[in-house]
C-alpha cells in the first residue's frame, strides 16, 4: 500500500517532537536544500546556465512530490524557486567577493547538517533518514505540510 503524505508526515514527526529540534529544522532544512542546489548548480548539463544538476534536483524532487500530492508539489515548486534565488545570491558573492558558489554552498551544507544533528541530540532520537532515505525528501515537505495545515490549505 502506497504511503500518503500524511503517513510520511506522521512517521517523520515521531522523531521531531521537541520544540527546539523543530525550530532547528525550520532553519536548517531550507539551508540544506538551498546549499545542495548550490553544490549541484555548477555541474552543467548543456550550454544554458539553467541546465545543470541543481535544476535537475529541483525537477526530480517536484516529480517525486507529485506522487504524494499535486498541491504540495506546487508549493514546493514555489519554495524551491525561492531557494534558487538564494543560490543566485550566493553566486553573486562569487562575482563580487571571489567566494566560489561551491565553497559557500559547502559551508552552509556542513553547518546546517551540524545543526540538524544537534537538534536530534536534543530530541534524543536519530534522524528519520537512518530508517528510510526517503525521509531526506520528506523533511522539506513536512515543513510545507505544517504551513498548509496552519493556513487550512488542503493537500
Protein backbone atom coordinates (compact mmCIF):
# COMPACT_ATOMS: atom_id res chain seq x y z
CA UNK A 1 0.00 0.00 0.00
CA UNK A 2 1.34 3.40 -1.02
CA UNK A 3 2.06 5.85 1.79
CA UNK A 4 0.20 9.15 1.70
CA UNK A 5 1.77 12.49 2.55
CA UNK A 6 0.10 12.30 5.97
CA UNK A 7 1.55 8.82 6.55
CA UNK A 8 5.02 10.18 5.80
CA UNK A 9 4.43 13.27 7.97
CA UNK A 10 3.28 11.14 10.91
CA UNK A 11 6.31 8.87 10.65
CA UNK A 12 8.68 11.82 10.24
CA UNK A 13 7.06 13.70 13.11
CA UNK A 14 7.71 10.82 15.52
CA UNK A 15 11.35 11.93 15.81
CA UNK A 16 10.56 15.65 15.69
CA UNK A 17 8.56 16.40 18.84
CA UNK A 18 10.99 18.60 20.77
CA UNK A 19 10.29 22.32 20.11
CA UNK A 20 14.00 23.18 19.91
CA UNK A 21 14.63 20.42 17.39
CA UNK A 22 11.62 21.57 15.35
CA UNK A 23 12.90 25.16 15.32
CA UNK A 24 16.34 24.00 14.24
CA UNK A 25 14.70 22.07 11.39
CA UNK A 26 12.82 25.20 10.25
CA UNK A 27 16.19 26.91 9.76
CA UNK A 28 18.42 24.04 8.69
CA UNK A 29 16.24 22.12 6.23
CA UNK A 30 15.81 25.07 3.83
CA UNK A 31 19.52 25.83 4.15
CA UNK A 32 20.43 22.23 3.35
CA UNK A 33 18.16 22.19 0.30
CA UNK A 34 19.49 25.56 -0.92
CA UNK A 35 23.10 24.53 -0.39
CA UNK A 36 22.57 21.20 -2.13
CA UNK A 37 21.11 23.02 -5.14
CA UNK A 38 24.12 25.36 -4.97
CA UNK A 39 26.60 22.49 -4.85
CA UNK A 40 24.99 20.93 -7.92
CA UNK A 41 24.44 24.24 -9.76
CA UNK A 42 27.92 24.28 -11.21
CA UNK A 43 27.54 20.90 -12.89
CA UNK A 44 26.30 21.96 -16.31
CA UNK A 45 24.22 19.63 -18.47
CA UNK A 46 24.09 21.86 -21.57
CA UNK A 47 25.19 25.30 -22.70
CA UNK A 48 22.36 27.07 -20.83
CA UNK A 49 23.16 28.17 -17.26
CA UNK A 50 19.76 26.78 -16.25
CA UNK A 51 20.59 23.28 -17.50
CA UNK A 52 22.52 21.98 -14.51
CA UNK A 53 22.27 19.32 -11.83
CA UNK A 54 20.81 21.81 -9.31
CA UNK A 55 17.80 22.42 -11.55
CA UNK A 56 17.63 18.67 -12.24
CA UNK A 57 17.44 18.06 -8.48
CA UNK A 58 14.53 20.50 -8.18
CA UNK A 59 12.68 18.95 -11.12
CA UNK A 60 13.23 15.42 -9.81
CA UNK A 61 12.09 16.44 -6.33
CA UNK A 62 8.91 18.07 -7.60
CA UNK A 63 8.15 14.95 -9.68
CA UNK A 64 8.56 12.84 -6.53
CA UNK A 65 6.29 15.20 -4.59
CA UNK A 66 3.67 14.91 -7.35
CA UNK A 67 3.33 11.24 -6.42
CA UNK A 68 2.22 12.34 -2.94
CA UNK A 69 0.18 15.49 -3.62
CA UNK A 70 -0.26 17.91 -6.50
CA UNK A 71 -0.88 20.78 -4.07
CA UNK A 72 2.25 20.06 -2.05
CA UNK A 73 4.31 19.64 -5.23
CA UNK A 74 3.15 23.05 -6.47
CA UNK A 75 4.03 24.58 -3.11
CA UNK A 76 7.48 23.00 -3.21
CA UNK A 77 7.96 24.36 -6.72
CA UNK A 78 7.38 27.86 -5.34
CA UNK A 79 9.62 27.23 -2.32
CA UNK A 80 12.46 25.81 -4.40
CA UNK A 81 12.12 28.77 -6.75
CA UNK A 82 12.89 30.96 -3.74
CA UNK A 83 15.80 28.71 -2.78
CA UNK A 84 17.17 29.03 -6.31
CA UNK A 85 17.01 32.79 -5.70
CA UNK A 86 19.20 32.17 -2.66
CA UNK A 87 21.64 30.19 -4.81
CA UNK A 88 21.79 33.07 -7.28
CA UNK A 89 22.54 35.35 -4.32
CA UNK A 90 25.40 33.07 -3.29
CA UNK A 91 26.58 33.11 -6.89
CA UNK A 92 26.72 36.91 -6.69
CA UNK A 93 29.18 36.51 -3.81
CA UNK A 94 31.44 34.72 -6.24
CA UNK A 95 31.49 37.58 -8.70
CA UNK A 96 31.64 40.29 -6.01
CA UNK A 97 34.00 38.78 -3.45
CA UNK A 98 35.60 35.78 -5.13
CA UNK A 99 33.80 33.27 -2.89
CA UNK A 100 33.02 30.33 -5.17
CA UNK A 101 29.44 29.06 -5.18
CA UNK A 102 30.59 25.58 -4.31
CA UNK A 103 32.54 26.93 -1.31
CA UNK A 104 29.71 28.95 0.21
CA UNK A 105 27.26 26.13 -0.53
CA UNK A 106 29.52 23.54 1.10
CA UNK A 107 29.98 25.70 4.21
CA UNK A 108 26.22 26.18 4.56
CA UNK A 109 25.60 22.48 3.90
CA UNK A 110 28.03 21.35 6.62
CA UNK A 111 26.87 23.91 9.21
CA UNK A 112 23.20 23.14 8.58
CA UNK A 113 23.79 19.40 8.98
CA UNK A 114 25.67 20.06 12.22
CA UNK A 115 22.58 21.98 13.34
CA UNK A 116 20.33 19.07 12.38
CA UNK A 117 22.40 16.62 14.40
CA UNK A 118 22.45 18.99 17.39
CA UNK A 119 18.66 19.14 17.15
CA UNK A 120 18.41 15.37 17.14
CA UNK A 121 20.80 15.14 20.08
CA UNK A 122 18.43 17.46 21.96
CA UNK A 123 15.46 15.38 20.74
CA UNK A 124 17.13 12.17 21.87
CA UNK A 125 16.20 10.38 18.64
CA UNK A 126 18.10 9.54 15.48
CA UNK A 127 17.22 11.38 12.28
CA UNK A 128 14.45 9.62 10.35
CA UNK A 129 16.58 9.09 7.25
CA UNK A 130 18.59 6.47 9.15
CA UNK A 131 15.45 4.32 8.87
CA UNK A 132 14.50 5.24 5.28
CA UNK A 133 16.41 7.51 2.91
CA UNK A 134 13.12 8.82 1.52
CA UNK A 135 12.85 10.90 4.69
CA UNK A 136 15.55 13.14 3.19
CA UNK A 137 12.87 14.14 0.67
CA UNK A 138 10.09 14.28 3.26
CA UNK A 139 11.76 16.80 5.60
CA UNK A 140 11.16 19.84 3.37
CA UNK A 141 7.64 18.63 2.56
CA UNK A 142 6.90 18.13 6.27
CA UNK A 143 7.62 21.82 6.86
CA UNK A 144 5.38 22.82 3.96
CA UNK A 145 2.64 20.48 5.20
CA UNK A 146 2.76 22.30 8.54
CA UNK A 147 2.29 25.64 6.75
CA UNK A 148 -0.60 24.24 4.70
CA UNK A 149 -2.36 22.96 7.82
CA UNK A 150 -1.93 26.34 9.56
CA UNK A 151 -3.44 28.09 6.51
CA UNK A 152 -6.16 25.43 6.12
CA UNK A 153 -4.92 24.54 2.64
CA UNK A 154 -5.94 21.03 1.62
CA UNK A 155 -3.36 18.71 0.18
